[in-house]
PDB file of all heavy atoms in Angstrom:
ATOM      1  N   PRO A   1      69.252  89.302 169.070  1.00  0.00           N
ATOM      2  CA  PRO A   1      69.455  87.869 168.843  1.00  0.00           C
ATOM      3  C   PRO A   1      70.863  87.436 169.251  1.00  0.00           C
ATOM      4  O   PRO A   1      71.853  88.027 168.841  1.00  0.00           O
ATOM      5  CB  PRO A   1      69.245  87.718 167.330  1.00  0.00           C
ATOM      6  CG  PRO A   1      69.601  89.054 166.771  1.00  0.00           C
ATOM      7  CD  PRO A   1      69.233  90.068 167.805  1.00  0.00           C
ATOM      8  N   ALA A   2      70.929  86.403 170.077  1.00  0.00           N
ATOM      9  CA  ALA A   2      72.185  85.931 170.642  1.00  0.00           C
ATOM     10  C   ALA A   2      72.661  84.688 169.900  1.00  0.00           C
ATOM     11  O   ALA A   2      71.869  83.981 169.269  1.00  0.00           O
ATOM     12  CB  ALA A   2      71.998  85.603 172.125  1.00  0.00           C
ATOM     13  N   PRO A   3      73.943  84.393 169.955  1.00  0.00           N
ATOM     14  CA  PRO A   3      74.420  83.124 169.386  1.00  0.00           C
ATOM     15  C   PRO A   3      73.874  81.947 170.171  1.00  0.00           C
ATOM     16  O   PRO A   3      73.642  82.044 171.378  1.00  0.00           O
ATOM     17  CB  PRO A   3      75.945  83.244 169.511  1.00  0.00           C
ATOM     18  CG  PRO A   3      76.172  84.231 170.608  1.00  0.00           C
ATOM     19  CD  PRO A   3      75.043  85.204 170.532  1.00  0.00           C
ATOM     20  N   ALA A   4      73.674  80.845 169.488  1.00  0.00           N
ATOM     21  CA  ALA A   4      73.081  79.652 170.126  1.00  0.00           C
ATOM     22  C   ALA A   4      74.146  78.876 170.883  1.00  0.00           C
ATOM     23  O   ALA A   4      74.443  77.716 170.581  1.00  0.00           O
ATOM     24  CB  ALA A   4      72.407  78.778 169.076  1.00  0.00           C
ATOM     25  N   ILE A   5      74.724  79.515 171.913  1.00  0.00           N
ATOM     26  CA  ILE A   5      75.719  78.857 172.747  1.00  0.00           C
ATOM     27  C   ILE A   5      75.009  77.876 173.677  1.00  0.00           C
ATOM     28  O   ILE A   5      73.826  78.059 173.998  1.00  0.00           O
ATOM     29  CB  ILE A   5      76.532  79.891 173.545  1.00  0.00           C
ATOM     30  CG1 ILE A   5      75.598  80.771 174.376  1.00  0.00           C
ATOM     31  CG2 ILE A   5      77.378  80.749 172.623  1.00  0.00           C
ATOM     32  CD1 ILE A   5      76.322  81.781 175.238  1.00  0.00           C
ATOM     33  N   PRO A   6      75.682  76.824 174.129  1.00  0.00           N
ATOM     34  CA  PRO A   6      75.013  75.817 174.963  1.00  0.00           C
ATOM     35  C   PRO A   6      74.345  76.386 176.205  1.00  0.00           C
ATOM     36  O   PRO A   6      73.263  75.925 176.598  1.00  0.00           O
ATOM     37  CB  PRO A   6      76.143  74.851 175.314  1.00  0.00           C
ATOM     38  CG  PRO A   6      77.106  74.965 174.183  1.00  0.00           C
ATOM     39  CD  PRO A   6      77.054  76.409 173.773  1.00  0.00           C
ATOM     40  N   ALA A   7      74.951  77.385 176.849  1.00  0.00           N
ATOM     41  CA  ALA A   7      74.385  77.930 178.080  1.00  0.00           C
ATOM     42  C   ALA A   7      73.021  78.571 177.856  1.00  0.00           C
ATOM     43  O   ALA A   7      72.224  78.681 178.791  1.00  0.00           O
ATOM     44  CB  ALA A   7      75.344  78.956 178.693  1.00  0.00           C
ATOM     45  N   LEU A   8      72.730  78.994 176.634  1.00  0.00           N
ATOM     46  CA  LEU A   8      71.440  79.589 176.327  1.00  0.00           C
ATOM     47  C   LEU A   8      70.527  78.637 175.558  1.00  0.00           C
ATOM     48  O   LEU A   8      69.311  78.620 175.779  1.00  0.00           O
ATOM     49  CB  LEU A   8      71.633  80.875 175.510  1.00  0.00           C
ATOM     50  CG  LEU A   8      72.419  81.999 176.176  1.00  0.00           C
ATOM     51  CD1 LEU A   8      72.549  83.174 175.236  1.00  0.00           C
ATOM     52  CD2 LEU A   8      71.761  82.435 177.478  1.00  0.00           C
ATOM     53  N   PHE A   9      71.118  77.837 174.653  1.00  0.00           N
ATOM     54  CA  PHE A   9      70.281  77.013 173.777  1.00  0.00           C
ATOM     55  C   PHE A   9      69.739  75.781 174.497  1.00  0.00           C
ATOM     56  O   PHE A   9      68.587  75.380 174.269  1.00  0.00           O
ATOM     57  CB  PHE A   9      71.076  76.602 172.541  1.00  0.00           C
ATOM     58  CG  PHE A   9      70.214  76.052 171.436  1.00  0.00           C
ATOM     59  CD1 PHE A   9      69.174  76.794 170.928  1.00  0.00           C
ATOM     60  CD2 PHE A   9      70.441  74.790 170.930  1.00  0.00           C
ATOM     61  CE1 PHE A   9      68.368  76.298 169.916  1.00  0.00           C
ATOM     62  CE2 PHE A   9      69.648  74.277 169.921  1.00  0.00           C
ATOM     63  CZ  PHE A   9      68.608  75.037 169.411  1.00  0.00           C
ATOM     64  N   ALA A  10      70.545  75.153 175.358  1.00  0.00           N
ATOM     65  CA  ALA A  10      70.060  73.978 176.091  1.00  0.00           C
ATOM     66  C   ALA A  10      68.860  74.320 176.974  1.00  0.00           C
ATOM     67  O   ALA A  10      67.843  73.611 176.944  1.00  0.00           O
ATOM     68  CB  ALA A  10      71.192  73.364 176.916  1.00  0.00           C
ATOM     69  N   PRO A  11      68.898  75.397 177.783  1.00  0.00           N
ATOM     70  CA  PRO A  11      67.693  75.753 178.546  1.00  0.00           C
ATOM     71  C   PRO A  11      66.512  76.109 177.658  1.00  0.00           C
ATOM     72  O   PRO A  11      65.359  75.893 178.040  1.00  0.00           O
ATOM     73  CB  PRO A  11      68.146  76.960 179.383  1.00  0.00           C
ATOM     74  CG  PRO A  11      69.624  76.834 179.470  1.00  0.00           C
ATOM     75  CD  PRO A  11      70.054  76.236 178.171  1.00  0.00           C
ATOM     76  N   SER A  12      66.772  76.647 176.468  1.00  0.00           N
ATOM     77  CA  SER A  12      65.675  76.981 175.561  1.00  0.00           C
ATOM     78  C   SER A  12      64.977  75.723 175.073  1.00  0.00           C
ATOM     79  O   SER A  12      63.737  75.704 174.959  1.00  0.00           O
ATOM     80  CB  SER A  12      66.208  77.788 174.374  1.00  0.00           C
ATOM     81  OG  SER A  12      66.770  79.007 174.796  1.00  0.00           O
ATOM     82  N   ILE A  13      65.742  74.682 174.778  1.00  0.00           N
ATOM     83  CA  ILE A  13      65.125  73.419 174.375  1.00  0.00           C
ATOM     84  C   ILE A  13      64.280  72.864 175.524  1.00  0.00           C
ATOM     85  O   ILE A  13      63.160  72.365 175.318  1.00  0.00           O
ATOM     86  CB  ILE A  13      66.194  72.407 173.935  1.00  0.00           C
ATOM     87  CG1 ILE A  13      66.838  72.859 172.623  1.00  0.00           C
ATOM     88  CG2 ILE A  13      65.597  71.020 173.779  1.00  0.00           C
ATOM     89  CD1 ILE A  13      67.893  71.910 172.109  1.00  0.00           C
ATOM     90  N   ILE A  14      64.798  72.941 176.745  1.00  0.00           N
ATOM     91  CA  ILE A  14      64.030  72.468 177.898  1.00  0.00           C
ATOM     92  C   ILE A  14      62.733  73.248 178.027  1.00  0.00           C
ATOM     93  O   ILE A  14      61.654  72.675 178.264  1.00  0.00           O
ATOM     94  CB  ILE A  14      64.875  72.591 179.181  1.00  0.00           C
ATOM     95  CG1 ILE A  14      66.096  71.657 179.104  1.00  0.00           C
ATOM     96  CG2 ILE A  14      64.037  72.269 180.406  1.00  0.00           C
ATOM     97  CD1 ILE A  14      67.043  71.798 180.275  1.00  0.00           C
ATOM     98  N   ALA A  15      62.792  74.579 177.859  1.00  0.00           N
ATOM     99  CA  ALA A  15      61.602  75.407 178.001  1.00  0.00           C
ATOM    100  C   ALA A  15      60.571  75.091 176.919  1.00  0.00           C
ATOM    101  O   ALA A  15      59.374  74.944 177.207  1.00  0.00           O
ATOM    102  CB  ALA A  15      61.992  76.884 177.956  1.00  0.00           C
ATOM    103  N   VAL A  16      61.020  74.991 175.673  1.00  0.00           N
ATOM    104  CA  VAL A  16      60.092  74.709 174.573  1.00  0.00           C
ATOM    105  C   VAL A  16      59.514  73.307 174.707  1.00  0.00           C
ATOM    106  O   VAL A  16      58.314  73.076 174.477  1.00  0.00           O
ATOM    107  CB  VAL A  16      60.810  74.899 173.224  1.00  0.00           C
ATOM    108  CG1 VAL A  16      59.959  74.381 172.079  1.00  0.00           C
ATOM    109  CG2 VAL A  16      61.131  76.368 173.003  1.00  0.00           C
ATOM    110  N   TRP A  17      60.361  72.338 175.076  1.00  0.00           N
ATOM    111  CA  TRP A  17      59.887  70.967 175.261  1.00  0.00           C
ATOM    112  C   TRP A  17      58.828  70.904 176.372  1.00  0.00           C
ATOM    113  O   TRP A  17      57.773  70.283 176.203  1.00  0.00           O
ATOM    114  CB  TRP A  17      61.075  70.059 175.595  1.00  0.00           C
ATOM    115  CG  TRP A  17      60.729  68.601 175.722  1.00  0.00           C
ATOM    116  CD1 TRP A  17      60.114  67.987 176.765  1.00  0.00           C
ATOM    117  CD2 TRP A  17      60.960  67.574 174.745  1.00  0.00           C
ATOM    118  NE1 TRP A  17      59.958  66.647 176.521  1.00  0.00           N
ATOM    119  CE2 TRP A  17      60.470  66.362 175.284  1.00  0.00           C
ATOM    120  CE3 TRP A  17      61.545  67.559 173.484  1.00  0.00           C
ATOM    121  CZ2 TRP A  17      60.553  65.161 174.601  1.00  0.00           C
ATOM    122  CZ3 TRP A  17      61.624  66.356 172.798  1.00  0.00           C
ATOM    123  CH2 TRP A  17      61.134  65.175 173.351  1.00  0.00           C
ATOM    124  N   ALA A  18      59.108  71.542 177.498  1.00  0.00           N
ATOM    125  CA  ALA A  18      58.163  71.529 178.619  1.00  0.00           C
ATOM    126  C   ALA A  18      56.855  72.226 178.250  1.00  0.00           C
ATOM    127  O   ALA A  18      55.763  71.765 178.628  1.00  0.00           O
ATOM    128  CB  ALA A  18      58.791  72.199 179.838  1.00  0.00           C
ATOM    129  N   ALA A  19      56.938  73.338 177.516  1.00  0.00           N
ATOM    130  CA  ALA A  19      55.720  74.046 177.123  1.00  0.00           C
ATOM    131  C   ALA A  19      54.878  73.197 176.179  1.00  0.00           C
ATOM    132  O   ALA A  19      53.644  73.138 176.312  1.00  0.00           O
ATOM    133  CB  ALA A  19      56.089  75.374 176.454  1.00  0.00           C
ATOM    134  N   ALA A  20      55.513  72.527 175.213  1.00  0.00           N
ATOM    135  CA  ALA A  20      54.770  71.695 174.263  1.00  0.00           C
ATOM    136  C   ALA A  20      54.147  70.491 174.962  1.00  0.00           C
ATOM    137  O   ALA A  20      52.976  70.158 174.733  1.00  0.00           O
ATOM    138  CB  ALA A  20      55.694  71.251 173.137  1.00  0.00           C
ATOM    139  N   TYR A  21      54.927  69.830 175.824  1.00  0.00           N
ATOM    140  CA  TYR A  21      54.396  68.672 176.547  1.00  0.00           C
ATOM    141  C   TYR A  21      53.272  69.097 177.491  1.00  0.00           C
ATOM    142  O   TYR A  21      52.242  68.424 177.593  1.00  0.00           O
ATOM    143  CB  TYR A  21      55.517  67.990 177.319  1.00  0.00           C
ATOM    144  CG  TYR A  21      55.060  66.782 178.103  1.00  0.00           C
ATOM    145  CD1 TYR A  21      55.001  65.530 177.508  1.00  0.00           C
ATOM    146  CD2 TYR A  21      54.666  66.892 179.436  1.00  0.00           C
ATOM    147  CE1 TYR A  21      54.564  64.417 178.223  1.00  0.00           C
ATOM    148  CE2 TYR A  21      54.230  65.801 180.154  1.00  0.00           C
ATOM    149  CZ  TYR A  21      54.188  64.561 179.542  1.00  0.00           C
ATOM    150  OH  TYR A  21      53.746  63.466 180.242  1.00  0.00           O
ATOM    151  N   GLY A  22      53.464  70.214 178.197  1.00  0.00           N
ATOM    152  CA  GLY A  22      52.432  70.698 179.096  1.00  0.00           C
ATOM    153  C   GLY A  22      51.157  71.086 178.365  1.00  0.00           C
ATOM    154  O   GLY A  22      50.049  70.846 178.864  1.00  0.00           O
ATOM    155  N   ALA A  23      51.291  71.677 177.176  1.00  0.00           N
ATOM    156  CA  ALA A  23      50.109  72.032 176.397  1.00  0.00           C
ATOM    157  C   ALA A  23      49.320  70.788 176.015  1.00  0.00           C
ATOM    158  O   ALA A  23      48.081  70.764 176.080  1.00  0.00           O
ATOM    159  CB  ALA A  23      50.526  72.810 175.151  1.00  0.00           C
ATOM    160  N   HIS A  24      50.024  69.711 175.628  1.00  0.00           N
ATOM    161  CA  HIS A  24      49.315  68.477 175.284  1.00  0.00           C
ATOM    162  C   HIS A  24      48.633  67.879 176.514  1.00  0.00           C
ATOM    163  O   HIS A  24      47.484  67.418 176.443  1.00  0.00           O
ATOM    164  CB  HIS A  24      50.278  67.459 174.679  1.00  0.00           C
ATOM    165  CG  HIS A  24      49.613  66.177 174.282  1.00  0.00           C
ATOM    166  ND1 HIS A  24      49.378  65.159 175.181  1.00  0.00           N
ATOM    167  CD2 HIS A  24      49.110  65.751 173.099  1.00  0.00           C
ATOM    168  CE1 HIS A  24      48.764  64.162 174.566  1.00  0.00           C
ATOM    169  NE2 HIS A  24      48.589  64.499 173.301  1.00  0.00           N
ATOM    170  N   ALA A  25      49.334  67.864 177.636  1.00  0.00           N
ATOM    171  CA  ALA A  25      48.740  67.294 178.850  1.00  0.00           C
ATOM    172  C   ALA A  25      47.480  68.048 179.252  1.00  0.00           C
ATOM    173  O   ALA A  25      46.469  67.440 179.639  1.00  0.00           O
ATOM    174  CB  ALA A  25      49.760  67.317 179.980  1.00  0.00           C
ATOM    175  N   LEU A  26      47.493  69.363 179.148  1.00  0.00           N
ATOM    176  CA  LEU A  26      46.329  70.157 179.540  1.00  0.00           C
ATOM    177  C   LEU A  26      45.182  69.999 178.550  1.00  0.00           C
ATOM    178  O   LEU A  26      44.012  69.942 178.943  1.00  0.00           O
ATOM    179  CB  LEU A  26      46.722  71.627 179.670  1.00  0.00           C
ATOM    180  CG  LEU A  26      47.632  71.967 180.858  1.00  0.00           C
ATOM    181  CD1 LEU A  26      48.166  73.371 180.740  1.00  0.00           C
ATOM    182  CD2 LEU A  26      46.858  71.806 182.164  1.00  0.00           C
ATOM    183  N   ALA A  27      45.512  69.945 177.256  1.00  0.00           N
ATOM    184  CA  ALA A  27      44.454  69.861 176.249  1.00  0.00           C
ATOM    185  C   ALA A  27      43.883  68.462 176.135  1.00  0.00           C
ATOM    186  O   ALA A  27      42.661  68.290 176.012  1.00  0.00           O
ATOM    187  CB  ALA A  27      44.989  70.328 174.896  1.00  0.00           C
ATOM    188  N   ALA A  28      44.720  67.427 176.158  1.00  0.00           N
ATOM    189  CA  ALA A  28      44.275  66.062 175.914  1.00  0.00           C
ATOM    190  C   ALA A  28      43.899  65.332 177.198  1.00  0.00           C
ATOM    191  O   ALA A  28      42.833  64.722 177.291  1.00  0.00           O
ATOM    192  CB  ALA A  28      45.356  65.287 175.167  1.00  0.00           C
ATOM    193  N   ARG A  29      44.772  65.378 178.204  1.00  0.00           N
ATOM    194  CA  ARG A  29      44.494  64.648 179.438  1.00  0.00           C
ATOM    195  C   ARG A  29      43.470  65.369 180.310  1.00  0.00           C
ATOM    196  O   ARG A  29      42.539  64.756 180.836  1.00  0.00           O
ATOM    197  CB  ARG A  29      45.778  64.426 180.230  1.00  0.00           C
ATOM    198  CG  ARG A  29      46.716  63.374 179.637  1.00  0.00           C
ATOM    199  CD  ARG A  29      47.943  63.227 180.511  1.00  0.00           C
ATOM    200  NE  ARG A  29      48.850  62.190 180.027  1.00  0.00           N
ATOM    201  CZ  ARG A  29      48.840  60.929 180.453  1.00  0.00           C
ATOM    202  NH1 ARG A  29      47.967  60.553 181.364  1.00  0.00           N
ATOM    203  NH2 ARG A  29      49.704  60.050 179.970  1.00  0.00           N
ATOM    204  N   ALA A  30      43.679  66.690 180.495  1.00  0.00           N
ATOM    205  CA  ALA A  30      42.793  67.460 181.372  1.00  0.00           C
ATOM    206  C   ALA A  30      41.614  68.074 180.646  1.00  0.00           C
ATOM    207  O   ALA A  30      40.742  68.656 181.302  1.00  0.00           O
ATOM    208  CB  ALA A  30      43.591  68.562 182.068  1.00  0.00           C
ATOM    209  N   ALA A  31      41.577  67.969 179.306  1.00  0.00           N
ATOM    210  CA  ALA A  31      40.492  68.547 178.509  1.00  0.00           C
ATOM    211  C   ALA A  31      40.310  70.033 178.819  1.00  0.00           C
ATOM    212  O   ALA A  31      39.188  70.527 178.946  1.00  0.00           O
ATOM    213  CB  ALA A  31      39.190  67.785 178.735  1.00  0.00           C
ATOM    214  N   SER A  32      41.426  70.763 178.936  1.00  0.00           N
ATOM    215  CA  SER A  32      41.396  72.200 179.221  1.00  0.00           C
ATOM    216  C   SER A  32      42.174  72.935 178.136  1.00  0.00           C
ATOM    217  O   SER A  32      43.336  73.334 178.349  1.00  0.00           O
ATOM    218  CB  SER A  32      41.990  72.503 180.607  1.00  0.00           C
ATOM    219  OG  SER A  32      41.277  71.832 181.620  1.00  0.00           O
ATOM    220  N   PRO A  33      41.603  73.100 176.961  1.00  0.00           N
ATOM    221  CA  PRO A  33      42.362  73.699 175.855  1.00  0.00           C
ATOM    222  C   PRO A  33      42.764  75.142 176.113  1.00  0.00           C
ATOM    223  O   PRO A  33      43.797  75.591 175.595  1.00  0.00           O
ATOM    224  CB  PRO A  33      41.389  73.584 174.672  1.00  0.00           C
ATOM    225  CG  PRO A  33      40.032  73.478 175.283  1.00  0.00           C
ATOM    226  CD  PRO A  33      40.223  72.735 176.562  1.00  0.00           C
ATOM    227  N   ILE A  34      41.979  75.875 176.878  1.00  0.00           N
ATOM    228  CA  ILE A  34      42.353  77.270 177.161  1.00  0.00           C
ATOM    229  C   ILE A  34      43.615  77.317 178.017  1.00  0.00           C
ATOM    230  O   ILE A  34      44.547  78.082 177.736  1.00  0.00           O
ATOM    231  CB  ILE A  34      41.191  78.009 177.844  1.00  0.00           C
ATOM    232  CG1 ILE A  34      39.944  77.978 176.960  1.00  0.00           C
ATOM    233  CG2 ILE A  34      41.595  79.440 178.150  1.00  0.00           C
ATOM    234  CD1 ILE A  34      40.140  78.610 175.612  1.00  0.00           C
ATOM    235  N   LEU A  35      43.677  76.501 179.062  1.00  0.00           N
ATOM    236  CA  LEU A  35      44.886  76.450 179.891  1.00  0.00           C
ATOM    237  C   LEU A  35      46.080  75.941 179.090  1.00  0.00           C
ATOM    238  O   LEU A  35      47.233  76.305 179.375  1.00  0.00           O
ATOM    239  CB  LEU A  35      44.649  75.559 181.107  1.00  0.00           C
ATOM    240  CG  LEU A  35      43.675  76.078 182.160  1.00  0.00           C
ATOM    241  CD1 LEU A  35      43.537  75.074 183.297  1.00  0.00           C
ATOM    242  CD2 LEU A  35      44.124  77.427 182.692  1.00  0.00           C
ATOM    243  N   ALA A  36      45.835  75.105 178.089  1.00  0.00           N
ATOM    244  CA  ALA A  36      46.936  74.580 177.276  1.00  0.00           C
ATOM    245  C   ALA A  36      47.651  75.669 176.498  1.00  0.00           C
ATOM    246  O   ALA A  36      48.804  75.493 176.092  1.00  0.00           O
ATOM    247  CB  ALA A  36      46.400  73.521 176.306  1.00  0.00           C
ATOM    248  N   LEU A  37      46.995  76.800 176.304  1.00  0.00           N
ATOM    249  CA  LEU A  37      47.615  77.899 175.555  1.00  0.00           C
ATOM    250  C   LEU A  37      48.551  78.741 176.404  1.00  0.00           C
ATOM    251  O   LEU A  37      49.330  79.531 175.862  1.00  0.00           O
ATOM    252  CB  LEU A  37      46.517  78.795 174.969  1.00  0.00           C
ATOM    253  CG  LEU A  37      45.455  78.108 174.102  1.00  0.00           C
ATOM    254  CD1 LEU A  37      44.442  79.127 173.627  1.00  0.00           C
ATOM    255  CD2 LEU A  37      46.101  77.391 172.935  1.00  0.00           C
ATOM    256  N   VAL A  38      48.489  78.591 177.726  1.00  0.00           N
ATOM    257  CA  VAL A  38      49.268  79.467 178.606  1.00  0.00           C
ATOM    258  C   VAL A  38      50.776  79.248 178.469  1.00  0.00           C
ATOM    259  O   VAL A  38      51.530  80.218 178.299  1.00  0.00           O
ATOM    260  CB  VAL A  38      48.806  79.299 180.065  1.00  0.00           C
ATOM    261  CG1 VAL A  38      49.701  80.099 181.013  1.00  0.00           C
ATOM    262  CG2 VAL A  38      47.348  79.739 180.213  1.00  0.00           C
ATOM    263  N   PRO A  39      51.305  77.992 178.549  1.00  0.00           N
ATOM    264  CA  PRO A  39      52.763  77.838 178.422  1.00  0.00           C
ATOM    265  C   PRO A  39      53.324  78.347 177.095  1.00  0.00           C
ATOM    266  O   PRO A  39      54.318  79.092 177.096  1.00  0.00           O
ATOM    267  CB  PRO A  39      52.969  76.313 178.598  1.00  0.00           C
ATOM    268  CG  PRO A  39      51.769  75.856 179.356  1.00  0.00           C
ATOM    269  CD  PRO A  39      50.653  76.700 178.868  1.00  0.00           C
ATOM    270  N   PRO A  40      52.733  78.001 175.927  1.00  0.00           N
ATOM    271  CA  PRO A  40      53.268  78.565 174.678  1.00  0.00           C
ATOM    272  C   PRO A  40      53.162  80.086 174.628  1.00  0.00           C
ATOM    273  O   PRO A  40      54.079  80.761 174.146  1.00  0.00           O
ATOM    274  CB  PRO A  40      52.403  77.908 173.595  1.00  0.00           C
ATOM    275  CG  PRO A  40      51.876  76.672 174.216  1.00  0.00           C
ATOM    276  CD  PRO A  40      51.675  77.010 175.656  1.00  0.00           C
ATOM    277  N   ALA A  41      52.050  80.639 175.134  1.00  0.00           N
ATOM    278  CA  ALA A  41      51.906  82.094 175.115  1.00  0.00           C
ATOM    279  C   ALA A  41      52.979  82.769 175.962  1.00  0.00           C
ATOM    280  O   ALA A  41      53.477  83.845 175.610  1.00  0.00           O
ATOM    281  CB  ALA A  41      50.516  82.486 175.622  1.00  0.00           C
TER     282      ALA A  41
END
């Protein structure tokens, strides 16, 4: 476990945000719930 320095934590927020948004887009817009699990996994 590393300290939450900006160089590591800012990209992590981007990654988690993109995965959550992408999961919603795949499950709700594209009606593909299985594909929606790929980014979080």
